[in-house]
Amino acid sequence: MNKITGSVVLVVTFAMGFAGSHFLTKFTASPVKSAAKQSTERKVLFYRNPMNPAITSPVFMQDDMGMDYIAVYADGGSSDEPAGTVTIDPVTVQNIGVRTTLAETRDLSRALSGLGRVDFNEEHLARLHPKTSGWIEELKINETGKKVNKDTILLSIYSPELVAAQQEYLVALNNWETVRSSGVSQMKRSAKTILDSAKERLQLFDVPAHQIKELEQSRKIKKQLHIHSPFEGRVMNIGAREGQYVTPKNELYLIADLSRIWVNVDVFEDEMSWLKEGDRAEMRVRAEPGRTYKGQITFIHPILNPKSRTVQVRLEFDNADLSLKPGMFANVTLYVDPQPNAVVVPSEAIVRSGSREQLFVVREPGKFEPREVTLGVSAEGMTQILSGVEAGEQVVTSSQFLIDSESKLREATAKMMAVMAGESVEQDMSDMDMSMDDMDMDTGESNQ
């Protein structure tokens, strides 16, 4: 009896050992084997409709438009391709009119056009004011628009201050001539200082050098001071008449040299990156049909107009024949330096979505990858690509918005599936833990 009992216990013990060994093998060795298998082959859970993620199929198929159903894998990813990559049947690609072209390297150039306004050259514009108060006795130039040469006498003014200044100079001059032959050095230095001060006062009143020379020679005081033109130009305005009392506040003449004029043109802020001082400019005006004026950019204003979102650019042109009149409007063309060796694509290929820009790159026939890019300047229907696409890559130039819609749908669905797959794995692990707890409880009861 004891032998039979011992045999039964031995058989039961062997059976429990075998079952325990099988259980450990199942929950330890199997995951390692499964992981090794998954590293070489991904498990497809199902296939989803590319246009409607709610429609799925256990086997691969195509929808009514010929678009492939997308595989959803057990690890949560849809494929090894970049997110948003779209695969479309070649027949569908042809039907929706997808066109492509190659990104290329070339010198990108541009000519900017705008409306200019002819203006005075402020570097050759003079506003003449008297340096002393007095009365205008003679107006030599009394017509606006009249041409004047450099040093032309414009008017004569009588000023008591000027008369007093001439008297002081003659006294100082006589004193200097008296003491300069003496042997007292201090007296000579003092007399010379007084003479220089008196002469400087005349110069500050704009008394020309030849009038001072005449005063020294004649020793006669002149009641009138002549106002001279500082350069050759045209009288644009006369602010006083004969007999009028004037002060330094009064503008007597406005004189402009029109042989070189300025043209101001407004350029939009997104075009400013093209421009620099020294760039060539051409201009046409309606008053001179068929004639083209050539000049250059001489200044770019540092301030943007907040209302028009433009920056004023100054051009300078020769105007020897005075055919250009301040106030004229002009059609201006600015020729800027090209951007050398720029990677460019047709501007129509760019898909602008929110705060980013992207292109669709052809990975292989029927397969399109969305690529975020950084844009440079645009010209002649082409746009420079600073990063994201290289020369020689094939990009989509038409129907890309249809592809973009599909790409966004696939990318959003892939993220959703990844979340669902993660939740499924967590649930499986939870079920496994519960099974382990139940088995532990069964084993404990058996031992009792």
Protein backbone atom coordinates (compact mmCIF):
# COMPACT_ATOMS: atom_id res chain seq x y z
CA MET A 1 0.00 0.00 0.00
CA ASN A 2 2.81 2.32 0.91
CA LYS A 3 4.56 1.47 -2.37
CA ILE A 4 1.42 2.28 -4.37
CA THR A 5 1.02 5.59 -2.52
CA GLY A 6 4.66 6.46 -3.14
CA SER A 7 4.31 5.69 -6.81
CA VAL A 8 1.27 7.93 -7.14
CA VAL A 9 3.08 10.80 -5.41
CA LEU A 10 6.06 10.33 -7.72
CA VAL A 11 3.89 10.42 -10.85
CA VAL A 12 2.03 13.52 -9.64
CA THR A 13 5.31 15.26 -8.82
CA PHE A 14 6.75 14.46 -12.24
CA ALA A 15 3.59 15.71 -13.94
CA MET A 16 3.70 18.99 -11.99
CA GLY A 17 7.35 19.45 -12.87
CA PHE A 18 6.69 18.88 -16.56
CA ALA A 19 3.75 21.30 -16.51
CA GLY A 20 5.83 23.93 -14.72
CA SER A 21 8.64 23.52 -17.21
CA HIS A 22 6.21 23.91 -20.12
CA PHE A 23 4.63 26.97 -18.49
CA LEU A 24 7.99 28.73 -18.00
CA THR A 25 9.05 27.88 -21.51
CA LYS A 26 5.82 29.37 -22.88
CA PHE A 27 6.13 32.69 -21.00
CA THR A 28 9.89 33.18 -21.17
CA ALA A 29 11.32 31.59 -24.30
CA SER A 30 8.37 32.39 -26.54
CA PRO A 31 8.61 36.20 -26.23
CA VAL A 32 12.29 36.09 -27.16
CA LYS A 33 11.50 33.97 -30.20
CA SER A 34 8.56 36.24 -31.10
CA ALA A 35 10.67 39.38 -30.74
CA ALA A 36 13.33 37.92 -33.00
CA LYS A 37 10.66 37.09 -35.57
CA GLN A 38 9.11 40.57 -35.38
CA SER A 39 12.50 42.15 -35.96
CA THR A 40 12.59 40.58 -39.42
CA GLU A 41 8.87 40.57 -40.35
CA ARG A 42 6.14 43.01 -39.32
CA LYS A 43 2.67 41.65 -38.70
CA VAL A 44 -0.19 43.24 -40.64
CA LEU A 45 -3.32 43.66 -38.51
CA PHE A 46 -5.61 44.84 -41.31
CA TYR A 47 -5.88 47.23 -44.27
CA ARG A 48 -7.79 50.51 -44.16
CA ASN A 49 -9.47 52.58 -46.85
CA PRO A 50 -7.24 55.56 -47.77
CA MET A 51 -10.21 57.95 -47.89
CA ASN A 52 -12.25 56.58 -44.99
CA PRO A 53 -10.32 55.07 -42.05
CA ALA A 54 -13.52 53.48 -40.71
CA ILE A 55 -13.61 51.08 -43.68
CA THR A 56 -11.14 48.22 -43.25
CA SER A 57 -10.36 44.89 -44.92
CA PRO A 58 -8.51 41.81 -43.64
CA VAL A 59 -6.82 41.47 -47.06
CA PHE A 60 -5.14 43.91 -49.42
CA MET A 61 -7.44 45.62 -51.93
CA GLN A 62 -8.08 48.90 -53.76
CA ASP A 63 -10.93 51.40 -53.47
CA ASP A 64 -13.20 52.55 -56.29
CA MET A 65 -10.65 55.22 -57.33
CA GLY A 66 -7.87 52.69 -57.69
CA MET A 67 -6.05 53.84 -54.54
CA ASP A 68 -4.36 51.13 -52.45
CA TYR A 69 -5.69 50.27 -49.02
CA ILE A 70 -3.08 51.12 -46.39
CA ALA A 71 -1.55 48.39 -44.22
CA VAL A 72 -1.81 48.88 -40.44
CA TYR A 73 0.85 46.95 -38.54
CA ALA A 74 0.85 45.42 -35.09
CA ASP A 75 3.57 47.83 -33.90
CA GLY A 76 1.36 50.83 -34.64
CA GLY A 77 3.11 52.07 -37.81
CA SER A 78 1.64 52.07 -41.31
CA SER A 79 4.93 51.64 -43.16
CA ASP A 80 8.63 52.32 -43.08
CA GLU A 81 8.11 55.43 -45.21
CA PRO A 82 8.04 59.05 -43.97
CA ALA A 83 4.78 60.12 -42.36
CA GLY A 84 2.19 61.25 -44.89
CA THR A 85 3.69 59.38 -47.87
CA VAL A 86 0.98 58.65 -50.43
CA THR A 87 0.82 55.76 -52.90
CA ILE A 88 -1.56 56.19 -55.85
CA ASP A 89 -2.32 53.84 -58.71
CA PRO A 90 -0.60 55.00 -61.96
CA VAL A 91 -3.94 55.12 -63.76
CA THR A 92 -5.34 57.42 -61.07
CA VAL A 93 -2.21 59.58 -61.23
CA GLN A 94 -2.89 60.08 -64.93
CA ASN A 95 -6.59 60.67 -64.44
CA ILE A 96 -6.20 63.45 -61.86
CA GLY A 97 -3.54 65.18 -63.99
CA VAL A 98 -0.46 64.91 -61.78
CA ARG A 99 2.53 66.64 -63.42
CA THR A 100 6.10 66.67 -62.16
CA THR A 101 9.38 68.43 -62.85
CA LEU A 102 12.96 68.33 -61.59
CA ALA A 103 14.38 70.76 -59.04
CA GLU A 104 17.27 72.48 -60.80
CA THR A 105 20.23 74.74 -60.08
CA ARG A 106 20.46 78.08 -61.91
CA ASP A 107 21.07 81.79 -61.46
CA LEU A 108 17.82 83.36 -60.34
CA SER A 109 17.39 86.95 -61.52
CA ARG A 110 14.59 89.46 -61.35
CA ALA A 111 13.59 92.94 -62.51
CA LEU A 112 11.37 94.96 -60.17
CA SER A 113 8.93 97.49 -61.55
CA GLY A 114 7.24 100.41 -59.85
CA LEU A 115 5.90 103.93 -60.13
CA GLY A 116 8.44 106.66 -59.41
CA ARG A 117 8.15 110.38 -58.64
CA VAL A 118 10.70 112.85 -59.98
CA ASP A 119 12.01 115.14 -57.24
CA PHE A 120 14.72 117.73 -56.57
CA ASN A 121 18.23 116.60 -55.80
CA GLU A 122 18.47 117.79 -52.20
CA GLU A 123 22.27 117.82 -52.40
CA HIS A 124 21.96 120.63 -54.97
CA LEU A 125 19.10 122.62 -53.45
CA ALA A 126 19.81 126.00 -51.77
CA ARG A 127 17.51 128.11 -49.59
CA LEU A 128 19.05 131.56 -49.21
CA HIS A 129 18.48 133.68 -46.08
CA PRO A 130 20.16 136.99 -45.14
CA LYS A 131 22.66 136.83 -42.28
CA THR A 132 21.61 140.28 -41.07
CA SER A 133 18.47 142.39 -40.98
CA GLY A 134 17.95 145.13 -43.55
CA TRP A 135 16.04 146.47 -46.54
CA ILE A 136 16.15 145.09 -50.07
CA GLU A 137 17.23 147.95 -52.32
CA GLU A 138 17.56 146.13 -55.62
CA LEU A 139 16.27 142.78 -56.83
CA LYS A 140 18.58 141.69 -59.64
CA ILE A 141 16.80 138.35 -60.34
CA ASN A 142 13.04 138.77 -60.07
CA GLU A 143 11.69 135.85 -62.15
CA THR A 144 11.09 132.29 -61.00
CA GLY A 145 12.43 129.59 -63.30
CA LYS A 146 15.25 131.82 -64.51
CA LYS A 147 18.68 130.26 -64.92
CA VAL A 148 21.50 131.67 -62.79
CA ASN A 149 25.22 130.91 -62.80
CA LYS A 150 27.49 130.47 -59.85
CA ASP A 151 28.21 133.83 -58.08
CA THR A 152 25.45 135.62 -59.99
CA ILE A 153 24.25 138.67 -57.96
CA LEU A 154 20.66 137.99 -56.91
CA LEU A 155 19.87 141.12 -54.87
CA SER A 156 21.38 144.01 -52.88
CA ILE A 157 20.46 144.64 -49.24
CA TYR A 158 21.10 147.67 -47.01
CA SER A 159 21.90 146.80 -43.42
CA PRO A 160 23.01 149.17 -40.62
CA GLU A 161 24.81 146.24 -39.00
CA LEU A 162 26.78 145.68 -42.17
CA VAL A 163 27.75 149.37 -42.34
CA ALA A 164 28.96 149.22 -38.74
CA ALA A 165 30.96 146.09 -39.48
CA GLN A 166 32.71 147.77 -42.40
CA GLN A 167 33.57 150.77 -40.24
CA GLU A 168 35.09 148.51 -37.59
CA TYR A 169 37.15 146.74 -40.23
CA LEU A 170 38.54 149.98 -41.66
CA VAL A 171 39.49 151.22 -38.15
CA ALA A 172 41.22 147.91 -37.40
CA LEU A 173 42.97 148.00 -40.76
CA ASN A 174 44.27 151.55 -40.23
CA ASN A 175 45.45 150.65 -36.71
CA TRP A 176 47.31 147.60 -38.00
CA GLU A 177 49.09 149.57 -40.70
CA THR A 178 50.16 152.12 -38.10
CA VAL A 179 51.70 149.69 -35.59
CA ARG A 180 53.06 146.94 -37.81
CA SER A 181 56.24 148.94 -38.58
CA SER A 182 56.82 149.62 -34.89
CA GLY A 183 59.14 147.52 -32.82
CA VAL A 184 56.61 146.67 -30.09
CA SER A 185 55.64 143.07 -30.62
CA GLN A 186 52.73 143.06 -28.19
CA MET A 187 51.07 146.02 -29.92
CA LYS A 188 51.44 144.33 -33.31
CA ARG A 189 49.91 141.08 -32.04
CA SER A 190 47.00 142.96 -30.50
CA ALA A 191 46.36 145.01 -33.65
CA LYS A 192 46.51 141.91 -35.85
CA THR A 193 44.04 140.09 -33.62
CA ILE A 194 41.56 142.98 -33.82
CA LEU A 195 41.93 143.16 -37.61
CA ASP A 196 41.31 139.41 -38.02
CA SER A 197 38.21 139.58 -35.81
CA ALA A 198 36.75 142.47 -37.82
CA LYS A 199 37.37 140.66 -41.09
CA GLU A 200 35.80 137.45 -39.75
CA ARG A 201 32.67 139.41 -38.81
CA LEU A 202 32.31 140.58 -42.41
CA GLN A 203 32.72 137.02 -43.62
CA LEU A 204 30.00 135.86 -41.23
CA PHE A 205 27.68 138.37 -42.87
CA ASP A 206 28.43 136.62 -46.19
CA VAL A 207 30.35 139.57 -47.58
CA PRO A 208 32.21 138.05 -50.53
CA ALA A 209 36.00 138.13 -50.66
CA HIS A 210 36.11 140.54 -53.62
CA GLN A 211 34.00 143.09 -51.74
CA ILE A 212 36.32 142.91 -48.75
CA LYS A 213 39.24 143.41 -51.13
CA GLU A 214 37.54 146.45 -52.66
CA LEU A 215 36.93 147.87 -49.19
CA GLU A 216 40.61 147.52 -48.32
CA GLN A 217 41.65 149.29 -51.51
CA SER A 218 39.04 152.08 -51.70
CA ARG A 219 38.58 152.60 -47.94
CA LYS A 220 34.99 153.53 -48.78
CA ILE A 221 32.07 151.94 -46.93
CA LYS A 222 29.44 150.33 -49.14
CA LYS A 223 25.84 150.59 -48.02
CA GLN A 224 24.73 147.51 -49.95
CA LEU A 225 25.51 143.84 -49.50
CA HIS A 226 25.19 141.60 -52.54
CA ILE A 227 23.60 138.12 -52.21
CA HIS A 228 25.14 135.66 -54.72
CA SER A 229 24.01 132.34 -56.16
CA PRO A 230 26.02 129.45 -54.62
CA PHE A 231 25.93 127.35 -57.83
CA GLU A 232 24.46 127.15 -61.31
CA GLY A 233 20.78 126.34 -61.28
CA ARG A 234 17.22 127.54 -61.61
CA VAL A 235 15.31 129.96 -59.38
CA MET A 236 12.43 127.92 -57.98
CA ASN A 237 11.02 130.57 -55.65
CA ILE A 238 11.51 134.25 -54.69
CA GLY A 239 10.50 135.16 -51.15
CA ALA A 240 11.08 138.94 -51.10
CA ARG A 241 10.62 142.06 -53.19
CA GLU A 242 12.33 145.46 -53.49
CA GLY A 243 11.86 147.71 -50.48
CA GLN A 244 10.91 144.84 -48.19
CA TYR A 245 12.45 144.65 -44.71
CA VAL A 246 13.89 141.20 -44.15
CA THR A 247 15.47 139.33 -41.27
CA PRO A 248 17.42 136.05 -41.12
CA LYS A 249 14.04 134.28 -40.83
CA ASN A 250 13.04 135.25 -44.38
CA GLU A 251 13.82 132.90 -47.27
CA LEU A 252 14.93 135.13 -50.16
CA TYR A 253 15.48 132.51 -52.88
CA LEU A 254 15.10 128.81 -53.52
CA ILE A 255 17.62 127.68 -56.13
CA ALA A 256 17.88 124.14 -57.52
CA ASP A 257 20.45 122.48 -59.74
CA LEU A 258 18.35 120.23 -62.00
CA SER A 259 21.23 118.73 -63.98
CA ARG A 260 20.94 115.65 -61.75
CA ILE A 261 17.61 114.73 -60.24
CA TRP A 262 16.22 112.19 -57.79
CA VAL A 263 13.43 109.72 -58.38
CA ASN A 264 11.69 108.10 -55.41
CA VAL A 265 9.99 104.73 -55.85
CA ASP A 266 8.17 102.60 -53.26
CA VAL A 267 9.19 98.94 -53.04
CA PHE A 268 7.21 96.29 -51.14
CA GLU A 269 8.90 94.78 -48.10
CA ASP A 270 9.01 91.24 -49.53
CA GLU A 271 11.10 92.56 -52.43
CA MET A 272 13.68 94.36 -50.31
CA SER A 273 15.97 91.34 -50.04
CA TRP A 274 16.77 91.77 -53.73
CA LEU A 275 17.92 95.38 -53.60
CA LYS A 276 21.14 97.14 -52.69
CA GLU A 277 22.68 100.53 -53.38
CA GLY A 278 24.38 100.70 -56.76
CA ASP A 279 21.86 98.47 -58.61
CA ARG A 280 20.97 99.65 -62.12
CA ALA A 281 17.71 101.43 -62.83
CA GLU A 282 15.84 102.47 -65.97
CA MET A 283 13.00 104.94 -66.26
CA ARG A 284 10.45 106.15 -68.78
CA VAL A 285 8.17 109.20 -68.59
CA ARG A 286 5.11 110.02 -70.66
CA ALA A 287 6.54 113.40 -71.66
CA GLU A 288 9.38 111.65 -73.54
CA PRO A 289 7.85 108.63 -75.33
CA GLY A 290 10.36 106.06 -76.50
CA ARG A 291 13.17 107.46 -74.39
CA THR A 292 14.80 105.45 -71.60
CA TYR A 293 16.76 107.13 -68.80
CA LYS A 294 19.51 105.16 -67.08
CA GLY A 295 20.50 105.63 -63.44
CA GLN A 296 21.14 103.73 -60.25
CA ILE A 297 19.97 103.22 -56.67
CA THR A 298 21.75 105.71 -54.41
CA PHE A 299 19.88 105.27 -51.13
CA ILE A 300 17.43 102.87 -49.45
CA HIS A 301 15.45 104.42 -46.62
CA PRO A 302 15.77 102.64 -43.26
CA ILE A 303 12.09 103.11 -42.33
CA LEU A 304 9.09 101.09 -43.53
CA ASN A 305 5.77 102.83 -44.22
CA PRO A 306 3.38 100.97 -41.88
CA LYS A 307 0.31 101.80 -43.97
CA SER A 308 1.52 100.80 -47.43
CA ARG A 309 4.11 98.23 -46.17
CA THR A 310 6.65 99.73 -48.56
CA VAL A 311 10.17 101.18 -48.33
CA GLN A 312 11.18 104.26 -50.29
CA VAL A 313 14.14 103.76 -52.62
CA ARG A 314 15.99 106.74 -54.10
CA LEU A 315 17.34 106.71 -57.64
CA GLU A 316 19.55 109.30 -59.33
CA PHE A 317 19.54 110.23 -63.04
CA ASP A 318 21.39 112.67 -65.28
CA ASN A 319 19.18 115.49 -66.54
CA ALA A 320 21.50 117.76 -68.53
CA ASP A 321 18.76 118.81 -70.97
CA LEU A 322 16.27 119.42 -68.12
CA SER A 323 13.69 117.15 -69.77
CA LEU A 324 12.84 115.63 -66.37
CA LYS A 325 10.75 117.95 -64.22
CA PRO A 326 10.23 117.58 -60.47
CA GLY A 327 6.68 116.33 -59.91
CA MET A 328 6.60 114.01 -62.94
CA PHE A 329 5.54 110.36 -62.58
CA ALA A 330 7.77 107.71 -64.12
CA ASN A 331 7.68 103.98 -64.84
CA VAL A 332 10.77 102.56 -63.13
CA THR A 333 12.50 99.21 -63.61
CA LEU A 334 15.15 98.05 -61.13
CA TYR A 335 17.69 95.47 -62.28
CA VAL A 336 19.07 93.50 -59.35
CA ASP A 337 22.01 91.11 -59.17
CA PRO A 338 21.05 87.43 -59.68
CA GLN A 339 21.11 84.81 -56.94
CA PRO A 340 23.86 82.44 -58.18
CA ASN A 341 23.55 78.63 -58.12
CA ALA A 342 20.09 78.65 -56.55
CA VAL A 343 18.08 75.41 -56.23
CA VAL A 344 14.72 76.37 -57.72
CA VAL A 345 11.32 74.80 -58.39
CA PRO A 346 8.20 76.23 -60.05
CA SER A 347 6.34 78.42 -57.57
CA GLU A 348 3.13 76.50 -58.30
CA ALA A 349 4.69 73.37 -56.80
CA ILE A 350 4.75 74.86 -53.29
CA VAL A 351 1.94 73.90 -50.92
CA ARG A 352 1.47 76.47 -48.16
CA SER A 353 -0.17 75.01 -45.11
CA GLY A 354 -0.45 77.20 -42.04
CA SER A 355 2.99 78.28 -40.91
CA ARG A 356 4.94 75.86 -43.11
CA GLU A 357 5.65 75.29 -46.79
CA GLN A 358 6.12 71.89 -48.38
CA LEU A 359 6.67 70.08 -51.66
CA PHE A 360 5.68 66.59 -52.74
CA VAL A 361 8.72 64.63 -53.88
CA VAL A 362 8.32 61.58 -56.13
CA ARG A 363 10.06 58.66 -54.39
CA GLU A 364 9.06 56.21 -57.13
CA PRO A 365 6.26 56.08 -59.71
CA GLY A 366 2.96 56.56 -57.88
CA LYS A 367 4.58 57.24 -54.48
CA PHE A 368 4.75 60.84 -53.18
CA GLU A 369 6.51 62.06 -50.05
CA PRO A 370 5.62 65.40 -48.40
CA ARG A 371 8.81 67.38 -47.71
CA GLU A 372 8.90 70.56 -45.60
CA VAL A 373 11.10 73.20 -47.23
CA THR A 374 12.62 76.62 -46.49
CA LEU A 375 11.95 79.19 -49.20
CA GLY A 376 14.21 81.92 -50.54
CA VAL A 377 13.42 84.58 -53.14
CA SER A 378 10.99 84.21 -56.04
CA ALA A 379 11.27 85.43 -59.62
CA GLU A 380 9.98 84.56 -63.08
CA GLY A 381 7.60 81.92 -61.72
CA MET A 382 10.40 80.10 -59.88
CA THR A 383 11.14 79.97 -56.14
CA GLN A 384 14.48 79.34 -54.47
CA ILE A 385 14.65 76.38 -52.07
CA LEU A 386 17.14 76.93 -49.25
CA SER A 387 16.65 73.52 -47.62
CA GLY A 388 14.46 70.42 -47.86
CA VAL A 389 14.91 69.51 -51.52
CA GLU A 390 18.06 69.04 -53.59
CA ALA A 391 18.68 69.63 -57.27
CA GLY A 392 17.69 66.61 -59.37
CA GLU A 393 14.78 65.50 -57.19
CA GLN A 394 11.40 65.20 -58.89
CA VAL A 395 8.59 67.35 -57.43
CA VAL A 396 4.86 67.54 -58.12
CA THR A 397 3.68 70.72 -59.87
CA SER A 398 -0.05 70.05 -60.34
CA SER A 399 -2.85 68.30 -58.43
CA GLN A 400 -0.62 68.46 -55.36
CA PHE A 401 -3.51 69.75 -53.29
CA LEU A 402 -5.40 66.50 -53.84
CA ILE A 403 -2.28 64.59 -52.82
CA ASP A 404 -1.84 66.91 -49.83
CA SER A 405 -5.37 66.15 -48.60
CA GLU A 406 -4.71 62.42 -48.83
CA SER A 407 -1.31 62.82 -47.15
CA LYS A 408 -2.77 64.68 -44.18
CA LEU A 409 -5.53 62.09 -43.84
CA ARG A 410 -3.06 59.23 -43.85
CA GLU A 411 -0.75 60.92 -41.38
CA ALA A 412 -3.59 61.66 -38.97
CA THR A 413 -4.91 58.10 -39.29
CA ALA A 414 -1.46 56.64 -38.67
CA LYS A 415 -1.18 58.62 -35.45
CA MET A 416 -4.63 57.45 -34.38
CA MET A 417 -3.77 53.83 -35.17
CA ALA A 418 -0.53 54.15 -33.19
CA VAL A 419 -2.51 55.26 -30.15
CA MET A 420 -5.03 52.44 -30.62
CA ALA A 421 -2.23 49.91 -31.02
CA GLY A 422 -0.59 51.15 -27.84
CA GLU A 423 -3.83 50.80 -25.91
CA SER A 424 -4.29 47.28 -27.32
CA VAL A 425 -0.82 46.22 -26.15
CA GLU A 426 -1.47 47.60 -22.67
CA GLN A 427 -4.76 45.68 -22.54
CA ASP A 428 -3.01 42.44 -23.61
CA MET A 429 -0.37 42.88 -20.92
CA SER A 430 -3.09 43.52 -18.35
CA ASP A 431 -4.92 40.32 -19.39
CA MET A 432 -1.65 38.38 -19.17
CA ASP A 433 -1.02 39.67 -15.65
CA MET A 434 -4.50 38.59 -14.61
CA SER A 435 -3.91 35.12 -16.09
CA MET A 436 -0.65 34.82 -14.15
CA ASP A 437 -2.42 35.78 -10.92
CA ASP A 438 -5.16 33.20 -11.53
CA MET A 439 -2.58 30.47 -12.19
CA ASP A 440 -0.69 31.35 -9.04
CA MET A 441 -3.89 31.03 -7.05
CA ASP A 442 -4.67 27.63 -8.64
CA THR A 443 -1.18 26.37 -7.85
CA GLY A 444 -1.48 27.49 -4.23
CA GLU A 445 -4.80 25.66 -3.80
CA SER A 446 -3.31 22.49 -5.29
CA ASN A 447 -0.40 22.55 -2.85
CA GLN A 448 -2.83 22.76 0.00
